[in-house]
């Protein structure tokens, strides 16, 4: 019979959550990369921007939660970055920008920083 301590289970769930976050950010990056190649008015762009919007909205909500274990200052900085991503995605969606590269680069930096 296996015996796990609460700390082992909690560590696994945190590691799993971080892995899921990395995977979702990678998916967003891949979608945005495809969209930047095809064009800002393409179906792929609409889907990439929608996916990115949902992802960052969820991340911001989680970061704003009192149960989030990250340091307060880091959470605030990540929320600020997330709000920028949402604004920039909206600019692209509205046709006022084609800055997929900025969205991709910021998402890569955040993804690569998840440990």
C-alpha atoms as a PDB file:
ATOM      1  CA  UNK A   1       0.000   0.000   0.000  1.00  0.00           C
ATOM      2  CA  UNK A   2       1.230   3.486  -0.869  1.00  0.00           C
ATOM      3  CA  UNK A   3       1.407   6.189   1.743  1.00  0.00           C
ATOM      4  CA  UNK A   4       1.696   9.812   0.723  1.00  0.00           C
ATOM      5  CA  UNK A   5       2.095  12.752   3.000  1.00  0.00           C
ATOM      6  CA  UNK A   6      -0.044  15.830   2.505  1.00  0.00           C
ATOM      7  CA  UNK A   7       3.099  17.771   1.525  1.00  0.00           C
ATOM      8  CA  UNK A   8       3.871  15.243  -1.239  1.00  0.00           C
ATOM      9  CA  UNK A   9       0.357  15.511  -2.645  1.00  0.00           C
ATOM     10  CA  UNK A  10       0.363  19.299  -2.408  1.00  0.00           C
ATOM     11  CA  UNK A  11       3.768  19.484  -4.149  1.00  0.00           C
ATOM     12  CA  UNK A  12       2.510  17.238  -6.927  1.00  0.00           C
ATOM     13  CA  UNK A  13      -0.606  19.331  -7.438  1.00  0.00           C
ATOM     14  CA  UNK A  14       1.446  22.558  -7.566  1.00  0.00           C
ATOM     15  CA  UNK A  15       3.838  20.951 -10.048  1.00  0.00           C
ATOM     16  CA  UNK A  16       0.882  19.724 -12.106  1.00  0.00           C
ATOM     17  CA  UNK A  17      -0.693  23.191 -12.071  1.00  0.00           C
ATOM     18  CA  UNK A  18       2.554  24.800 -13.218  1.00  0.00           C
ATOM     19  CA  UNK A  19       2.892  22.228 -15.982  1.00  0.00           C
ATOM     20  CA  UNK A  20      -0.662  22.960 -17.138  1.00  0.00           C
ATOM     21  CA  UNK A  21       0.076  26.692 -17.125  1.00  0.00           C
ATOM     22  CA  UNK A  22       3.201  26.120 -19.246  1.00  0.00           C
ATOM     23  CA  UNK A  23       1.234  23.932 -21.661  1.00  0.00           C
ATOM     24  CA  UNK A  24      -1.560  26.495 -22.010  1.00  0.00           C
ATOM     25  CA  UNK A  25       0.889  29.333 -22.564  1.00  0.00           C
ATOM     26  CA  UNK A  26       2.691  27.210 -25.175  1.00  0.00           C
ATOM     27  CA  UNK A  27      -0.619  26.565 -26.924  1.00  0.00           C
ATOM     28  CA  UNK A  28      -1.381  30.288 -26.922  1.00  0.00           C
ATOM     29  CA  UNK A  29       2.097  31.043 -28.291  1.00  0.00           C
ATOM     30  CA  UNK A  30       1.695  28.458 -31.061  1.00  0.00           C
ATOM     31  CA  UNK A  31      -1.710  29.839 -32.011  1.00  0.00           C
ATOM     32  CA  UNK A  32      -0.446  33.439 -32.014  1.00  0.00           C
ATOM     33  CA  UNK A  33       2.569  32.440 -34.120  1.00  0.00           C
ATOM     34  CA  UNK A  34       0.307  30.816 -36.711  1.00  0.00           C
ATOM     35  CA  UNK A  35      -1.996  33.839 -36.663  1.00  0.00           C
ATOM     36  CA  UNK A  36       0.890  36.248 -37.219  1.00  0.00           C
ATOM     37  CA  UNK A  37       1.913  34.284 -40.311  1.00  0.00           C
ATOM     38  CA  UNK A  38      -1.594  34.041 -41.775  1.00  0.00           C
ATOM     39  CA  UNK A  39      -2.744  37.542 -40.848  1.00  0.00           C
ATOM     40  CA  UNK A  40      -4.595  39.567 -38.248  1.00  0.00           C
ATOM     41  CA  UNK A  41      -7.967  39.206 -39.993  1.00  0.00           C
ATOM     42  CA  UNK A  42      -7.814  35.423 -40.326  1.00  0.00           C
ATOM     43  CA  UNK A  43      -9.946  32.869 -38.531  1.00  0.00           C
ATOM     44  CA  UNK A  44      -6.744  31.627 -36.878  1.00  0.00           C
ATOM     45  CA  UNK A  45      -6.080  35.106 -35.491  1.00  0.00           C
ATOM     46  CA  UNK A  46      -9.567  35.361 -34.043  1.00  0.00           C
ATOM     47  CA  UNK A  47      -9.200  31.949 -32.400  1.00  0.00           C
ATOM     48  CA  UNK A  48      -5.696  32.745 -31.092  1.00  0.00           C
ATOM     49  CA  UNK A  49      -6.784  36.067 -29.626  1.00  0.00           C
ATOM     50  CA  UNK A  50      -9.865  34.511 -28.038  1.00  0.00           C
ATOM     51  CA  UNK A  51      -7.812  31.686 -26.518  1.00  0.00           C
ATOM     52  CA  UNK A  52      -5.173  34.123 -25.250  1.00  0.00           C
ATOM     53  CA  UNK A  53      -7.870  36.360 -23.766  1.00  0.00           C
ATOM     54  CA  UNK A  54      -9.512  33.473 -21.906  1.00  0.00           C
ATOM     55  CA  UNK A  55      -6.163  32.169 -20.669  1.00  0.00           C
ATOM     56  CA  UNK A  56      -4.953  35.506 -19.317  1.00  0.00           C
ATOM     57  CA  UNK A  57      -8.349  36.338 -17.809  1.00  0.00           C
ATOM     58  CA  UNK A  58      -8.182  33.061 -15.884  1.00  0.00           C
ATOM     59  CA  UNK A  59      -4.573  33.662 -14.844  1.00  0.00           C
ATOM     60  CA  UNK A  60      -5.402  37.178 -13.626  1.00  0.00           C
ATOM     61  CA  UNK A  61      -8.360  35.875 -11.610  1.00  0.00           C
ATOM     62  CA  UNK A  62      -6.138  33.231 -10.013  1.00  0.00           C
ATOM     63  CA  UNK A  63      -3.395  35.759  -9.278  1.00  0.00           C
ATOM     64  CA  UNK A  64      -5.934  38.033  -7.588  1.00  0.00           C
ATOM     65  CA  UNK A  65      -7.151  35.275  -5.309  1.00  0.00           C
ATOM     66  CA  UNK A  66      -6.080  35.490  -1.645  1.00  0.00           C
ATOM     67  CA  UNK A  67      -5.380  31.739  -1.792  1.00  0.00           C
ATOM     68  CA  UNK A  68      -2.646  32.233  -4.406  1.00  0.00           C
ATOM     69  CA  UNK A  69       0.665  31.387  -2.730  1.00  0.00           C
ATOM     70  CA  UNK A  70       2.907  33.601  -4.856  1.00  0.00           C
ATOM     71  CA  UNK A  71       4.417  36.667  -3.175  1.00  0.00           C
ATOM     72  CA  UNK A  72       2.119  39.684  -3.328  1.00  0.00           C
ATOM     73  CA  UNK A  73       4.504  41.850  -5.386  1.00  0.00           C
ATOM     74  CA  UNK A  74       5.050  39.095  -7.963  1.00  0.00           C
ATOM     75  CA  UNK A  75       1.297  38.570  -8.248  1.00  0.00           C
ATOM     76  CA  UNK A  76       0.780  42.310  -8.795  1.00  0.00           C
ATOM     77  CA  UNK A  77       3.474  42.389 -11.480  1.00  0.00           C
ATOM     78  CA  UNK A  78       1.986  39.379 -13.267  1.00  0.00           C
ATOM     79  CA  UNK A  79      -1.486  40.927 -13.111  1.00  0.00           C
ATOM     80  CA  UNK A  80      -0.081  44.086 -14.718  1.00  0.00           C
ATOM     81  CA  UNK A  81       1.515  42.009 -17.464  1.00  0.00           C
ATOM     82  CA  UNK A  82      -1.748  40.126 -17.963  1.00  0.00           C
ATOM     83  CA  UNK A  83      -3.701  43.351 -18.278  1.00  0.00           C
ATOM     84  CA  UNK A  84      -1.226  44.551 -20.915  1.00  0.00           C
ATOM     85  CA  UNK A  85      -1.684  41.271 -22.827  1.00  0.00           C
ATOM     86  CA  UNK A  86      -5.475  41.694 -22.713  1.00  0.00           C
ATOM     87  CA  UNK A  87      -5.260  45.316 -23.924  1.00  0.00           C
ATOM     88  CA  UNK A  88      -2.803  44.454 -26.696  1.00  0.00           C
ATOM     89  CA  UNK A  89      -4.910  41.493 -27.838  1.00  0.00           C
ATOM     90  CA  UNK A  90      -7.930  43.804 -28.001  1.00  0.00           C
ATOM     91  CA  UNK A  91      -5.931  46.299 -30.084  1.00  0.00           C
ATOM     92  CA  UNK A  92      -5.112  43.515 -32.553  1.00  0.00           C
ATOM     93  CA  UNK A  93      -8.708  42.290 -32.539  1.00  0.00           C
ATOM     94  CA  UNK A  94      -9.951  45.831 -33.296  1.00  0.00           C
ATOM     95  CA  UNK A  95      -7.492  46.221 -36.175  1.00  0.00           C
ATOM     96  CA  UNK A  96      -5.516  49.000 -34.478  1.00  0.00           C
ATOM     97  CA  UNK A  97      -2.398  46.846 -34.099  1.00  0.00           C
ATOM     98  CA  UNK A  98      -0.763  43.739 -35.516  1.00  0.00           C
ATOM     99  CA  UNK A  99       1.590  43.261 -32.567  1.00  0.00           C
ATOM    100  CA  UNK A 100       1.504  39.485 -32.404  1.00  0.00           C
ATOM    101  CA  UNK A 101       5.259  39.519 -31.779  1.00  0.00           C
ATOM    102  CA  UNK A 102       4.845  41.422 -28.505  1.00  0.00           C
ATOM    103  CA  UNK A 103       2.116  39.067 -27.328  1.00  0.00           C
ATOM    104  CA  UNK A 104       4.239  36.055 -28.268  1.00  0.00           C
ATOM    105  CA  UNK A 105       7.403  37.400 -26.651  1.00  0.00           C
ATOM    106  CA  UNK A 106       5.748  38.335 -23.360  1.00  0.00           C
ATOM    107  CA  UNK A 107       3.965  34.976 -23.186  1.00  0.00           C
ATOM    108  CA  UNK A 108       7.244  33.138 -23.853  1.00  0.00           C
ATOM    109  CA  UNK A 109       8.984  35.050 -21.069  1.00  0.00           C
ATOM    110  CA  UNK A 110       6.203  34.228 -18.609  1.00  0.00           C
ATOM    111  CA  UNK A 111       6.031  30.583 -19.710  1.00  0.00           C
ATOM    112  CA  UNK A 112       9.792  30.152 -19.427  1.00  0.00           C
ATOM    113  CA  UNK A 113       9.755  31.745 -15.965  1.00  0.00           C
ATOM    114  CA  UNK A 114       7.316  29.204 -14.503  1.00  0.00           C
ATOM    115  CA  UNK A 115       9.372  26.855 -12.362  1.00  0.00           C
END
